[in-house]
Amino acid sequence: MLTSKDVLNKTLTSTQFRDGYDEREVDDMFDRVVAALRYYEQGGRPGPQAPPSPARSHRFRSTKLRRGYDEREVDDFLDQVIETLRHYEQGGRPDPQAIAPAVGPEPEALGQRALRWLRGDARS
């Protein structure tokens, strides 16, 4: 089972000159996943107040001549994400030992890190 920290620390392989998924769309999706996982890790329960889970049927835009993320790698990781979120949505609870290091100050989201990198900003 994945934690929000696992998603934040996930490094995806970039592609260029071959099919890939749009990096911004993937980063945005994983930012939403992190928010959903944190909700459950902090004791949130399934229901209408819970953040929405990414749908397996979601389709990312493809890239060909510009940078993207390896499609198979994203799909495989998204399968793990969906399995973890399904566990929580069915009333499962997080493993306290697995999430203990993840609770604390909010780490920088994947999308924020990518945007900072693209702009060339120094890490604060």
PDB file of N, CA and C in Angstrom:
ATOM      1  N   MET A   1       0.836  -1.169   0.000  1.00  0.00           N
ATOM      2  CA  MET A   1       0.000   0.000   0.000  1.00  0.00           C
ATOM      3  C   MET A   1       0.891   1.245   0.000  1.00  0.00           C
ATOM      4  N   LEU A   2       0.500   2.223  -0.792  1.00  0.00           N
ATOM      5  CA  LEU A   2       1.272   3.454  -0.927  1.00  0.00           C
ATOM      6  C   LEU A   2       0.909   4.465   0.145  1.00  0.00           C
ATOM      7  N   THR A   3       1.832   5.372   0.429  1.00  0.00           N
ATOM      8  CA  THR A   3       1.573   6.506   1.303  1.00  0.00           C
ATOM      9  C   THR A   3       1.692   7.782   0.482  1.00  0.00           C
ATOM     10  N   SER A   4       1.252   8.889   1.063  1.00  0.00           N
ATOM     11  CA  SER A   4       1.390  10.174   0.365  1.00  0.00           C
ATOM     12  C   SER A   4       2.864  10.475   0.102  1.00  0.00           C
ATOM     13  N   LYS A   5       3.716  10.063   1.005  1.00  0.00           N
ATOM     14  CA  LYS A   5       5.161  10.289   0.828  1.00  0.00           C
ATOM     15  C   LYS A   5       5.693   9.490  -0.366  1.00  0.00           C
ATOM     16  N   ASP A   6       5.185   8.281  -0.562  1.00  0.00           N
ATOM     17  CA  ASP A   6       5.596   7.474  -1.716  1.00  0.00           C
ATOM     18  C   ASP A   6       5.268   8.198  -3.023  1.00  0.00           C
ATOM     19  N   VAL A   7       4.086   8.806  -3.074  1.00  0.00           N
ATOM     20  CA  VAL A   7       3.667   9.509  -4.292  1.00  0.00           C
ATOM     21  C   VAL A   7       4.522  10.758  -4.488  1.00  0.00           C
ATOM     22  N   LEU A   8       4.770  11.488  -3.398  1.00  0.00           N
ATOM     23  CA  LEU A   8       5.595  12.702  -3.494  1.00  0.00           C
ATOM     24  C   LEU A   8       7.010  12.393  -3.971  1.00  0.00           C
ATOM     25  N   ASN A   9       7.538  11.265  -3.531  1.00  0.00           N
ATOM     26  CA  ASN A   9       8.917  10.920  -3.859  1.00  0.00           C
ATOM     27  C   ASN A   9       9.065  10.119  -5.150  1.00  0.00           C
ATOM     28  N   LYS A  10       7.960   9.813  -5.802  1.00  0.00           N
ATOM     29  CA  LYS A  10       8.009   9.018  -7.036  1.00  0.00           C
ATOM     30  C   LYS A  10       8.686   9.815  -8.142  1.00  0.00           C
ATOM     31  N   THR A  11       9.683   9.222  -8.754  1.00  0.00           N
ATOM     32  CA  THR A  11      10.369   9.820  -9.890  1.00  0.00           C
ATOM     33  C   THR A  11       9.958   9.044 -11.131  1.00  0.00           C
ATOM     34  N   LEU A  12       9.448   9.747 -12.110  1.00  0.00           N
ATOM     35  CA  LEU A  12       9.002   9.120 -13.343  1.00  0.00           C
ATOM     36  C   LEU A  12      10.010   9.370 -14.459  1.00  0.00           C
ATOM     37  N   THR A  13      10.128   8.407 -15.348  1.00  0.00           N
ATOM     38  CA  THR A  13      11.045   8.509 -16.474  1.00  0.00           C
ATOM     39  C   THR A  13      10.476   9.443 -17.531  1.00  0.00           C
ATOM     40  N   SER A  14      11.279  10.393 -17.950  1.00  0.00           N
ATOM     41  CA  SER A  14      10.857  11.320 -19.004  1.00  0.00           C
ATOM     42  C   SER A  14      11.084  10.702 -20.372  1.00  0.00           C
ATOM     43  N   THR A  15      10.220  11.086 -21.299  1.00  0.00           N
ATOM     44  CA  THR A  15      10.360  10.635 -22.677  1.00  0.00           C
ATOM     45  C   THR A  15      10.491  11.854 -23.580  1.00  0.00           C
ATOM     46  N   GLN A  16      11.085  11.657 -24.703  1.00  0.00           N
ATOM     47  CA  GLN A  16      11.115  12.676 -25.746  1.00  0.00           C
ATOM     48  C   GLN A  16      11.323  11.938 -27.062  1.00  0.00           C
ATOM     49  N   PHE A  17      10.634  12.391 -28.081  1.00  0.00           N
ATOM     50  CA  PHE A  17      10.689  11.757 -29.403  1.00  0.00           C
ATOM     51  C   PHE A  17      10.019  10.383 -29.415  1.00  0.00           C
ATOM     52  N   ARG A  18       9.260  10.072 -28.382  1.00  0.00           N
ATOM     53  CA  ARG A  18       8.411   8.882 -28.358  1.00  0.00           C
ATOM     54  C   ARG A  18       7.213   9.204 -27.484  1.00  0.00           C
ATOM     55  N   ASP A  19       6.177   8.392 -27.614  1.00  0.00           N
ATOM     56  CA  ASP A  19       4.942   8.665 -26.897  1.00  0.00           C
ATOM     57  C   ASP A  19       5.176   8.738 -25.392  1.00  0.00           C
ATOM     58  N   GLY A  20       4.500   9.689 -24.781  1.00  0.00           N
ATOM     59  CA  GLY A  20       4.529   9.853 -23.335  1.00  0.00           C
ATOM     60  C   GLY A  20       3.260  10.566 -22.917  1.00  0.00           C
ATOM     61  N   TYR A  21       3.067  10.687 -21.604  1.00  0.00           N
ATOM     62  CA  TYR A  21       1.919  11.425 -21.088  1.00  0.00           C
ATOM     63  C   TYR A  21       2.350  12.839 -20.742  1.00  0.00           C
ATOM     64  N   ASP A  22       1.447  13.778 -20.941  1.00  0.00           N
ATOM     65  CA  ASP A  22       1.691  15.175 -20.623  1.00  0.00           C
ATOM     66  C   ASP A  22       2.108  15.294 -19.150  1.00  0.00           C
ATOM     67  N   GLU A  23       3.292  15.863 -18.918  1.00  0.00           N
ATOM     68  CA  GLU A  23       3.840  15.934 -17.564  1.00  0.00           C
ATOM     69  C   GLU A  23       2.963  16.740 -16.618  1.00  0.00           C
ATOM     70  N   ARG A  24       2.435  17.860 -17.088  1.00  0.00           N
ATOM     71  CA  ARG A  24       1.601  18.698 -16.215  1.00  0.00           C
ATOM     72  C   ARG A  24       0.349  17.963 -15.762  1.00  0.00           C
ATOM     73  N   GLU A  25      -0.286  17.253 -16.675  1.00  0.00           N
ATOM     74  CA  GLU A  25      -1.503  16.510 -16.311  1.00  0.00           C
ATOM     75  C   GLU A  25      -1.197  15.425 -15.281  1.00  0.00           C
ATOM     76  N   VAL A  26      -0.102  14.708 -15.487  1.00  0.00           N
ATOM     77  CA  VAL A  26       0.275  13.645 -14.548  1.00  0.00           C
ATOM     78  C   VAL A  26       0.610  14.255 -13.190  1.00  0.00           C
ATOM     79  N   ASP A  27       1.404  15.330 -13.182  1.00  0.00           N
ATOM     80  CA  ASP A  27       1.770  15.981 -11.924  1.00  0.00           C
ATOM     81  C   ASP A  27       0.534  16.485 -11.187  1.00  0.00           C
ATOM     82  N   ASP A  28      -0.407  17.078 -11.913  1.00  0.00           N
ATOM     83  CA  ASP A  28      -1.646  17.562 -11.291  1.00  0.00           C
ATOM     84  C   ASP A  28      -2.438  16.406 -10.694  1.00  0.00           C
ATOM     85  N   MET A  29      -2.529  15.308 -11.413  1.00  0.00           N
ATOM     86  CA  MET A  29      -3.248  14.133 -10.916  1.00  0.00           C
ATOM     87  C   MET A  29      -2.594  13.621  -9.630  1.00  0.00           C
ATOM     88  N   PHE A  30      -1.274  13.528  -9.626  1.00  0.00           N
ATOM     89  CA  PHE A  30      -0.589  13.014  -8.438  1.00  0.00           C
ATOM     90  C   PHE A  30      -0.685  13.987  -7.268  1.00  0.00           C
ATOM     91  N   ASP A  31      -0.775  15.287  -7.532  1.00  0.00           N
ATOM     92  CA  ASP A  31      -1.017  16.246  -6.445  1.00  0.00           C
ATOM     93  C   ASP A  31      -2.374  15.972  -5.792  1.00  0.00           C
ATOM     94  N   ARG A  32      -3.387  15.665  -6.603  1.00  0.00           N
ATOM     95  CA  ARG A  32      -4.709  15.332  -6.070  1.00  0.00           C
ATOM     96  C   ARG A  32      -4.660  14.005  -5.297  1.00  0.00           C
ATOM     97  N   VAL A  33      -3.865  13.071  -5.781  1.00  0.00           N
ATOM     98  CA  VAL A  33      -3.707  11.790  -5.096  1.00  0.00           C
ATOM     99  C   VAL A  33      -3.077  12.006  -3.724  1.00  0.00           C
ATOM    100  N   VAL A  34      -2.053  12.845  -3.663  1.00  0.00           N
ATOM    101  CA  VAL A  34      -1.389  13.128  -2.386  1.00  0.00           C
ATOM    102  C   VAL A  34      -2.402  13.706  -1.397  1.00  0.00           C
ATOM    103  N   ALA A  35      -3.230  14.636  -1.852  1.00  0.00           N
ATOM    104  CA  ALA A  35      -4.243  15.229  -0.976  1.00  0.00           C
ATOM    105  C   ALA A  35      -5.213  14.161  -0.463  1.00  0.00           C
ATOM    106  N   ALA A  36      -5.636  13.266  -1.342  1.00  0.00           N
ATOM    107  CA  ALA A  36      -6.560  12.199  -0.936  1.00  0.00           C
ATOM    108  C   ALA A  36      -5.893  11.247   0.060  1.00  0.00           C
ATOM    109  N   LEU A  37      -4.653  10.870  -0.199  1.00  0.00           N
ATOM    110  CA  LEU A  37      -3.957   9.963   0.717  1.00  0.00           C
ATOM    111  C   LEU A  37      -3.734  10.610   2.073  1.00  0.00           C
ATOM    112  N   ARG A  38      -3.378  11.889   2.087  1.00  0.00           N
ATOM    113  CA  ARG A  38      -3.192  12.583   3.374  1.00  0.00           C
ATOM    114  C   ARG A  38      -4.499  12.619   4.162  1.00  0.00           C
ATOM    115  N   TYR A  39      -5.598  12.819   3.464  1.00  0.00           N
ATOM    116  CA  TYR A  39      -6.905  12.833   4.120  1.00  0.00           C
ATOM    117  C   TYR A  39      -7.107  11.523   4.894  1.00  0.00           C
ATOM    118  N   TYR A  40      -6.871  10.392   4.238  1.00  0.00           N
ATOM    119  CA  TYR A  40      -7.068   9.096   4.892  1.00  0.00           C
ATOM    120  C   TYR A  40      -5.993   8.831   5.946  1.00  0.00           C
ATOM    121  N   GLU A  41      -4.765   9.232   5.688  1.00  0.00           N
ATOM    122  CA  GLU A  41      -3.685   9.017   6.652  1.00  0.00           C
ATOM    123  C   GLU A  41      -3.918   9.798   7.943  1.00  0.00           C
ATOM    124  N   GLN A  42      -4.630  10.904   7.844  1.00  0.00           N
ATOM    125  CA  GLN A  42      -4.898  11.729   9.022  1.00  0.00           C
ATOM    126  C   GLN A  42      -6.241  11.374   9.669  1.00  0.00           C
ATOM    127  N   GLY A  43      -6.776  10.218   9.315  1.00  0.00           N
ATOM    128  CA  GLY A  43      -7.979   9.722   9.980  1.00  0.00           C
ATOM    129  C   GLY A  43      -9.277   9.968   9.249  1.00  0.00           C
ATOM    130  N   GLY A  44      -9.223  10.513   8.033  1.00  0.00           N
ATOM    131  CA  GLY A  44     -10.434  10.757   7.269  1.00  0.00           C
ATOM    132  C   GLY A  44     -11.154   9.466   6.932  1.00  0.00           C
ATOM    133  N   ARG A  45     -12.451   9.573   6.810  1.00  0.00           N
ATOM    134  CA  ARG A  45     -13.298   8.420   6.498  1.00  0.00           C
ATOM    135  C   ARG A  45     -13.904   8.564   5.110  1.00  0.00           C
ATOM    136  N   PRO A  46     -14.241   7.440   4.474  1.00  0.00           N
ATOM    137  CA  PRO A  46     -14.909   7.515   3.175  1.00  0.00           C
ATOM    138  C   PRO A  46     -16.258   8.215   3.302  1.00  0.00           C
ATOM    139  N   GLY A  47     -16.698   8.781   2.229  1.00  0.00           N
ATOM    140  CA  GLY A  47     -17.997   9.448   2.211  1.00  0.00           C
ATOM    141  C   GLY A  47     -17.952  10.669   1.309  1.00  0.00           C
ATOM    142  N   PRO A  48     -19.016  11.445   1.310  1.00  0.00           N
ATOM    143  CA  PRO A  48     -19.079  12.598   0.405  1.00  0.00           C
ATOM    144  C   PRO A  48     -18.040  13.676   0.730  1.00  0.00           C
ATOM    145  N   GLN A  49     -17.545  13.712   1.964  1.00  0.00           N
ATOM    146  CA  GLN A  49     -16.550  14.703   2.347  1.00  0.00           C
ATOM    147  C   GLN A  49     -15.136  14.301   1.910  1.00  0.00           C
ATOM    148  N   ALA A  50     -14.942  13.061   1.526  1.00  0.00           N
ATOM    149  CA  ALA A  50     -13.618  12.570   1.121  1.00  0.00           C
ATOM    150  C   ALA A  50     -13.242  13.128  -0.251  1.00  0.00           C
ATOM    151  N   PRO A  51     -11.958  13.390  -0.459  1.00  0.00           N
ATOM    152  CA  PRO A  51     -11.522  13.862  -1.776  1.00  0.00           C
ATOM    153  C   PRO A  51     -11.819  12.810  -2.846  1.00  0.00           C
ATOM    154  N   PRO A  52     -12.140  13.239  -4.057  1.00  0.00           N
ATOM    155  CA  PRO A  52     -12.416  12.267  -5.121  1.00  0.00           C
ATOM    156  C   PRO A  52     -11.155  11.500  -5.512  1.00  0.00           C
ATOM    157  N   SER A  53     -11.347  10.251  -5.873  1.00  0.00           N
ATOM    158  CA  SER A  53     -10.233   9.412  -6.321  1.00  0.00           C
ATOM    159  C   SER A  53     -10.077   9.545  -7.832  1.00  0.00           C
ATOM    160  N   PRO A  54      -8.846   9.423  -8.308  1.00  0.00           N
ATOM    161  CA  PRO A  54      -8.675   9.452  -9.762  1.00  0.00           C
ATOM    162  C   PRO A  54      -9.313   8.217 -10.379  1.00  0.00           C
ATOM    163  N   ALA A  55     -10.008   8.409 -11.452  1.00  0.00           N
ATOM    164  CA  ALA A  55     -10.675   7.299 -12.135  1.00  0.00           C
ATOM    165  C   ALA A  55      -9.679   6.568 -13.022  1.00  0.00           C
ATOM    166  N   ARG A  56      -9.791   5.273 -13.039  1.00  0.00           N
ATOM    167  CA  ARG A  56      -8.894   4.469 -13.886  1.00  0.00           C
ATOM    168  C   ARG A  56      -9.119   4.796 -15.358  1.00  0.00           C
ATOM    169  N   SER A  57     -10.312   5.254 -15.675  1.00  0.00           N
ATOM    170  CA  SER A  57     -10.610   5.570 -17.071  1.00  0.00           C
ATOM    171  C   SER A  57     -10.046   6.926 -17.498  1.00  0.00           C
ATOM    172  N   HIS A  58      -9.408   7.656 -16.555  1.00  0.00           N
ATOM    173  CA  HIS A  58      -8.836   8.956 -16.907  1.00  0.00           C
ATOM    174  C   HIS A  58      -7.783   8.767 -17.999  1.00  0.00           C
ATOM    175  N   ARG A  59      -7.808   9.619 -18.975  1.00  0.00           N
ATOM    176  CA  ARG A  59      -6.845   9.557 -20.077  1.00  0.00           C
ATOM    177  C   ARG A  59      -6.029  10.833 -20.098  1.00  0.00           C
ATOM    178  N   PHE A  60      -4.721  10.677 -20.089  1.00  0.00           N
ATOM    179  CA  PHE A  60      -3.809  11.814 -20.191  1.00  0.00           C
ATOM    180  C   PHE A  60      -3.559  12.114 -21.666  1.00  0.00           C
ATOM    181  N   ARG A  61      -3.311  13.380 -21.959  1.00  0.00           N
ATOM    182  CA  ARG A  61      -2.915  13.736 -23.324  1.00  0.00           C
ATOM    183  C   ARG A  61      -1.546  13.136 -23.616  1.00  0.00           C
ATOM    184  N   SER A  62      -1.365  12.686 -24.844  1.00  0.00           N
ATOM    185  CA  SER A  62      -0.082  12.103 -25.252  1.00  0.00           C
ATOM    186  C   SER A  62       0.839  13.180 -25.797  1.00  0.00           C
ATOM    187  N   THR A  63       2.118  12.927 -25.644  1.00  0.00           N
ATOM    188  CA  THR A  63       3.147  13.793 -26.219  1.00  0.00           C
ATOM    189  C   THR A  63       3.949  12.951 -27.198  1.00  0.00           C
ATOM    190  N   LYS A  64       4.514  13.589 -28.192  1.00  0.00           N
ATOM    191  CA  LYS A  64       5.370  12.865 -29.139  1.00  0.00           C
ATOM    192  C   LYS A  64       6.718  13.557 -29.279  1.00  0.00           C
ATOM    193  N   LEU A  65       6.718  14.821 -29.617  1.00  0.00           N
ATOM    194  CA  LEU A  65       7.976  15.518 -29.860  1.00  0.00           C
ATOM    195  C   LEU A  65       8.384  16.413 -28.702  1.00  0.00           C
ATOM    196  N   ARG A  66       7.639  16.374 -27.631  1.00  0.00           N
ATOM    197  CA  ARG A  66       8.032  17.129 -26.449  1.00  0.00           C
ATOM    198  C   ARG A  66       8.087  16.177 -25.266  1.00  0.00           C
ATOM    199  N   ARG A  67       8.671  16.664 -24.194  1.00  0.00           N
ATOM    200  CA  ARG A  67       8.857  15.822 -23.013  1.00  0.00           C
ATOM    201  C   ARG A  67       7.530  15.325 -22.470  1.00  0.00           C
ATOM    202  N   GLY A  68       7.563  14.119 -21.973  1.00  0.00           N
ATOM    203  CA  GLY A  68       6.411  13.522 -21.321  1.00  0.00           C
ATOM    204  C   GLY A  68       6.911  12.479 -20.342  1.00  0.00           C
ATOM    205  N   TYR A  69       5.995  11.798 -19.700  1.00  0.00           N
ATOM    206  CA  TYR A  69       6.348  10.699 -18.804  1.00  0.00           C
ATOM    207  C   TYR A  69       6.044   9.383 -19.492  1.00  0.00           C
ATOM    208  N   ASP A  70       6.881   8.398 -19.244  1.00  0.00           N
ATOM    209  CA  ASP A  70       6.711   7.067 -19.809  1.00  0.00           C
ATOM    210  C   ASP A  70       5.314   6.542 -19.479  1.00  0.00           C
ATOM    211  N   GLU A  71       4.552   6.212 -20.504  1.00  0.00           N
ATOM    212  CA  GLU A  71       3.152   5.822 -20.333  1.00  0.00           C
ATOM    213  C   GLU A  71       2.988   4.565 -19.481  1.00  0.00           C
ATOM    214  N   ARG A  72       3.751   3.564 -19.755  1.00  0.00           N
ATOM    215  CA  ARG A  72       3.623   2.299 -19.011  1.00  0.00           C
ATOM    216  C   ARG A  72       3.955   2.501 -17.537  1.00  0.00           C
ATOM    217  N   GLU A  73       4.994   3.271 -17.275  1.00  0.00           N
ATOM    218  CA  GLU A  73       5.388   3.529 -15.891  1.00  0.00           C
ATOM    219  C   GLU A  73       4.283   4.281 -15.132  1.00  0.00           C
ATOM    220  N   VAL A  74       3.690   5.285 -15.771  1.00  0.00           N
ATOM    221  CA  VAL A  74       2.592   6.037 -15.149  1.00  0.00           C
ATOM    222  C   VAL A  74       1.406   5.113 -14.913  1.00  0.00           C
ATOM    223  N   ASP A  75       1.038   4.322 -15.909  1.00  0.00           N
ATOM    224  CA  ASP A  75      -0.107   3.405 -15.779  1.00  0.00           C
ATOM    225  C   ASP A  75       0.108   2.411 -14.638  1.00  0.00           C
ATOM    226  N   ASP A  76       1.311   1.853 -14.542  1.00  0.00           N
ATOM    227  CA  ASP A  76       1.597   0.887 -13.482  1.00  0.00           C
ATOM    228  C   ASP A  76       1.506   1.536 -12.099  1.00  0.00           C
ATOM    229  N   PHE A  77       2.058   2.746 -11.977  1.00  0.00           N
ATOM    230  CA  PHE A  77       2.012   3.429 -10.689  1.00  0.00           C
ATOM    231  C   PHE A  77       0.578   3.838 -10.349  1.00  0.00           C
ATOM    232  N   LEU A  78      -0.167   4.278 -11.349  1.00  0.00           N
ATOM    233  CA  LEU A  78      -1.557   4.656 -11.129  1.00  0.00           C
ATOM    234  C   LEU A  78      -2.388   3.451 -10.678  1.00  0.00           C
ATOM    235  N   ASP A  79      -2.071   2.259 -11.170  1.00  0.00           N
ATOM    236  CA  ASP A  79      -2.746   1.040 -10.696  1.00  0.00           C
ATOM    237  C   ASP A  79      -2.526   0.860  -9.187  1.00  0.00           C
ATOM    238  N   GLN A  80      -1.301   1.093  -8.720  1.00  0.00           N
ATOM    239  CA  GLN A  80      -1.000   0.980  -7.289  1.00  0.00           C
ATOM    240  C   GLN A  80      -1.765   2.037  -6.487  1.00  0.00           C
ATOM    241  N   VAL A  81      -1.832   3.248  -7.044  1.00  0.00           N
ATOM    242  CA  VAL A  81      -2.549   4.339  -6.389  1.00  0.00           C
ATOM    243  C   VAL A  81      -4.023   3.978  -6.240  1.00  0.00           C
ATOM    244  N   ILE A  82      -4.616   3.488  -7.314  1.00  0.00           N
ATOM    245  CA  ILE A  82      -6.039   3.145  -7.296  1.00  0.00           C
ATOM    246  C   ILE A  82      -6.313   2.020  -6.299  1.00  0.00           C
ATOM    247  N   GLU A  83      -5.425   1.042  -6.250  1.00  0.00           N
ATOM    248  CA  GLU A  83      -5.579  -0.053  -5.282  1.00  0.00           C
ATOM    249  C   GLU A  83      -5.533   0.480  -3.851  1.00  0.00           C
ATOM    250  N   THR A  84      -4.613   1.400  -3.579  1.00  0.00           N
ATOM    251  CA  THR A  84      -4.503   1.982  -2.238  1.00  0.00           C
ATOM    252  C   THR A  84      -5.742   2.798  -1.893  1.00  0.00           C
ATOM    253  N   LEU A  85      -6.193   3.631  -2.825  1.00  0.00           N
ATOM    254  CA  LEU A  85      -7.378   4.448  -2.559  1.00  0.00           C
ATOM    255  C   LEU A  85      -8.624   3.579  -2.403  1.00  0.00           C
ATOM    256  N   ARG A  86      -8.711   2.513  -3.159  1.00  0.00           N
ATOM    257  CA  ARG A  86      -9.843   1.589  -3.031  1.00  0.00           C
ATOM    258  C   ARG A  86      -9.871   0.983  -1.618  1.00  0.00           C
ATOM    259  N   HIS A  87      -8.695   0.647  -1.103  1.00  0.00           N
ATOM    260  CA  HIS A  87      -8.590   0.115   0.261  1.00  0.00           C
ATOM    261  C   HIS A  87      -9.204   1.101   1.257  1.00  0.00           C
ATOM    262  N   TYR A  88      -8.842   2.370   1.137  1.00  0.00           N
ATOM    263  CA  TYR A  88      -9.378   3.391   2.053  1.00  0.00           C
ATOM    264  C   TYR A  88     -10.870   3.614   1.839  1.00  0.00           C
ATOM    265  N   GLU A  89     -11.295   3.631   0.601  1.00  0.00           N
ATOM    266  CA  GLU A  89     -12.707   3.874   0.295  1.00  0.00           C
ATOM    267  C   GLU A  89     -13.603   2.750   0.798  1.00  0.00           C
ATOM    268  N   GLN A  90     -13.038   1.575   0.993  1.00  0.00           N
ATOM    269  CA  GLN A  90     -13.796   0.444   1.518  1.00  0.00           C
ATOM    270  C   GLN A  90     -13.671   0.343   3.038  1.00  0.00           C
ATOM    271  N   GLY A  91     -13.174   1.424   3.656  1.00  0.00           N
ATOM    272  CA  GLY A  91     -13.098   1.478   5.113  1.00  0.00           C
ATOM    273  C   GLY A  91     -11.786   1.032   5.708  1.00  0.00           C
ATOM    274  N   GLY A  92     -10.803   0.714   4.879  1.00  0.00           N
ATOM    275  CA  GLY A  92      -9.493   0.309   5.389  1.00  0.00           C
ATOM    276  C   GLY A  92      -8.806   1.461   6.099  1.00  0.00           C
ATOM    277  N   ARG A  93      -7.944   1.126   7.010  1.00  0.00           N
ATOM    278  CA  ARG A  93      -7.198   2.121   7.772  1.00  0.00           C
ATOM    279  C   ARG A  93      -5.728   2.057   7.391  1.00  0.00           C
ATOM    280  N   PRO A  94      -5.010   3.161   7.522  1.00  0.00           N
ATOM    281  CA  PRO A  94      -3.583   3.157   7.195  1.00  0.00           C
ATOM    282  C   PRO A  94      -2.772   2.424   8.252  1.00  0.00           C
ATOM    283  N   ASP A  95      -1.625   1.919   7.852  1.00  0.00           N
ATOM    284  CA  ASP A  95      -0.689   1.303   8.778  1.00  0.00           C
ATOM    285  C   ASP A  95       0.035   2.436   9.504  1.00  0.00           C
ATOM    286  N   PRO A  96      -0.129   2.556  10.827  1.00  0.00           N
ATOM    287  CA  PRO A  96       0.470   3.680  11.550  1.00  0.00           C
ATOM    288  C   PRO A  96       1.986   3.780  11.384  1.00  0.00           C
ATOM    289  N   GLN A  97       2.674   2.653  11.280  1.00  0.00           N
ATOM    290  CA  GLN A  97       4.123   2.684  11.126  1.00  0.00           C
ATOM    291  C   GLN A  97       4.533   3.178   9.747  1.00  0.00           C
ATOM    292  N   ALA A  98       3.724   2.897   8.740  1.00  0.00           N
ATOM    293  CA  ALA A  98       4.057   3.313   7.379  1.00  0.00           C
ATOM    294  C   ALA A  98       3.884   4.812   7.185  1.00  0.00           C
ATOM    295  N   ILE A  99       2.931   5.406   7.894  1.00  0.00           N
ATOM    296  CA  ILE A  99       2.671   6.832   7.676  1.00  0.00           C
ATOM    297  C   ILE A  99       3.333   7.730   8.701  1.00  0.00           C
ATOM    298  N   ALA A 100       3.885   7.191   9.772  1.00  0.00           N
ATOM    299  CA  ALA A 100       4.477   8.028  10.810  1.00  0.00           C
ATOM    300  C   ALA A 100       5.457   9.051  10.250  1.00  0.00           C
ATOM    301  N   PRO A 101       6.396   8.674   9.362  1.00  0.00           N
ATOM    302  CA  PRO A 101       7.312   9.681   8.838  1.00  0.00           C
ATOM    303  C   PRO A 101       6.629  10.662   7.878  1.00  0.00           C
ATOM    304  N   ALA A 102       5.460  10.292   7.325  1.00  0.00           N
ATOM    305  CA  ALA A 102       4.799  11.158   6.349  1.00  0.00           C
ATOM    306  C   ALA A 102       4.056  12.308   7.013  1.00  0.00           C
ATOM    307  N   VAL A 103       3.720  12.165   8.296  1.00  0.00           N
ATOM    308  CA  VAL A 103       3.005  13.221   8.989  1.00  0.00           C
ATOM    309  C   VAL A 103       4.019  14.226   9.497  1.00  0.00           C
ATOM    310  N   GLY A 104       3.737  15.483   9.312  1.00  0.00           N
ATOM    311  CA  GLY A 104       4.649  16.549   9.717  1.00  0.00           C
ATOM    312  C   GLY A 104       4.466  17.723   8.791  1.00  0.00           C
ATOM    313  N   PRO A 105       5.515  18.521   8.611  1.00  0.00           N
ATOM    314  CA  PRO A 105       5.360  19.664   7.724  1.00  0.00           C
ATOM    315  C   PRO A 105       5.035  19.210   6.303  1.00  0.00           C
ATOM    316  N   GLU A 106       4.229  20.004   5.623  1.00  0.00           N
ATOM    317  CA  GLU A 106       3.810  19.671   4.266  1.00  0.00           C
ATOM    318  C   GLU A 106       5.009  19.721   3.321  1.00  0.00           C
ATOM    319  N   PRO A 107       5.380  18.592   2.725  1.00  0.00           N
ATOM    320  CA  PRO A 107       6.441  18.629   1.734  1.00  0.00           C
ATOM    321  C   PRO A 107       5.946  19.281   0.444  1.00  0.00           C
ATOM    322  N   GLU A 108       6.876  19.703  -0.344  1.00  0.00           N
ATOM    323  CA  GLU A 108       6.540  20.335  -1.615  1.00  0.00           C
ATOM    324  C   GLU A 108       5.912  19.300  -2.544  1.00  0.00           C
ATOM    325  N   ALA A 109       4.790  19.651  -3.159  1.00  0.00           N
ATOM    326  CA  ALA A 109       4.085  18.744  -4.057  1.00  0.00           C
ATOM    327  C   ALA A 109       4.872  18.536  -5.344  1.00  0.00           C
ATOM    328  N   LEU A 110       4.620  17.411  -5.991  1.00  0.00           N
ATOM    329  CA  LEU A 110       5.318  17.058  -7.222  1.00  0.00           C
ATOM    330  C   LEU A 110       5.157  18.141  -8.282  1.00  0.00           C
ATOM    331  N   GLY A 111       3.955  18.647  -8.443  1.00  0.00           N
ATOM    332  CA  GLY A 111       3.707  19.697  -9.431  1.00  0.00           C
ATOM    333  C   GLY A 111       4.459  20.969  -9.097  1.00  0.00           C
ATOM    334  N   GLN A 112       4.520  21.302  -7.802  1.00  0.00           N
ATOM    335  CA  GLN A 112       5.257  22.492  -7.378  1.00  0.00           C
ATOM    336  C   GLN A 112       6.753  22.322  -7.629  1.00  0.00           C
ATOM    337  N   ARG A 113       7.270  21.128  -7.367  1.00  0.00           N
ATOM    338  CA  ARG A 113       8.700  20.875  -7.626  1.00  0.00           C
ATOM    339  C   ARG A 113       9.007  21.000  -9.108  1.00  0.00           C
ATOM    340  N   ALA A 114       8.121  20.440  -9.947  1.00  0.00           N
ATOM    341  CA  ALA A 114       8.341  20.488 -11.393  1.00  0.00           C
ATOM    342  C   ALA A 114       8.294  21.927 -11.898  1.00  0.00           C
ATOM    343  N   LEU A 115       7.327  22.703 -11.420  1.00  0.00           N
ATOM    344  CA  LEU A 115       7.217  24.097 -11.841  1.00  0.00           C
ATOM    345  C   LEU A 115       8.445  24.886 -11.412  1.00  0.00           C
ATOM    346  N   ARG A 116       8.906  24.669 -10.188  1.00  0.00           N
ATOM    347  CA  ARG A 116      10.109  25.340  -9.701  1.00  0.00           C
ATOM    348  C   ARG A 116      11.311  24.958 -10.563  1.00  0.00           C
ATOM    349  N   TRP A 117      11.407  23.688 -10.917  1.00  0.00           N
ATOM    350  CA  TRP A 117      12.510  23.223 -11.752  1.00  0.00           C
ATOM    351  C   TRP A 117      12.465  23.867 -13.134  1.00  0.00           C
ATOM    352  N   LEU A 118      11.269  23.925 -13.733  1.00  0.00           N
ATOM    353  CA  LEU A 118      11.131  24.531 -15.056  1.00  0.00           C
ATOM    354  C   LEU A 118      11.489  26.011 -15.050  1.00  0.00           C
ATOM    355  N   ARG A 119      11.139  26.714 -13.971  1.00  0.00           N
ATOM    356  CA  ARG A 119      11.467  28.129 -13.879  1.00  0.00           C
ATOM    357  C   ARG A 119      12.934  28.353 -13.515  1.00  0.00           C
ATOM    358  N   GLY A 120      13.590  27.332 -12.994  1.00  0.00           N
ATOM    359  CA  GLY A 120      14.980  27.460 -12.591  1.00  0.00           C
ATOM    360  C   GLY A 120      15.137  28.092 -11.222  1.00  0.00           C
ATOM    361  N   ASP A 121      14.063  28.076 -10.414  1.00  0.00           N
ATOM    362  CA  ASP A 121      14.115  28.660  -9.066  1.00  0.00           C
ATOM    363  C   ASP A 121      14.976  27.803  -8.160  1.00  0.00           C
ATOM    364  N   ALA A 122      15.619  28.460  -7.225  1.00  0.00           N
ATOM    365  CA  ALA A 122      16.393  27.740  -6.206  1.00  0.00           C
ATOM    366  C   ALA A 122      15.420  27.187  -5.189  1.00  0.00           C
ATOM    367  N   ARG A 123      15.778  26.058  -4.591  1.00  0.00           N
ATOM    368  CA  ARG A 123      14.917  25.459  -3.562  1.00  0.00           C
ATOM    369  C   ARG A 123      14.963  26.346  -2.312  1.00  0.00           C
ATOM    370  N   SER A 124      13.773  26.607  -1.754  1.00  0.00           N
ATOM    371  CA  SER A 124      13.726  27.459  -0.562  1.00  0.00           C
ATOM    372  C   SER A 124      13.743  26.645   0.689  1.00  0.00           C
TER     373      SER A 124
END
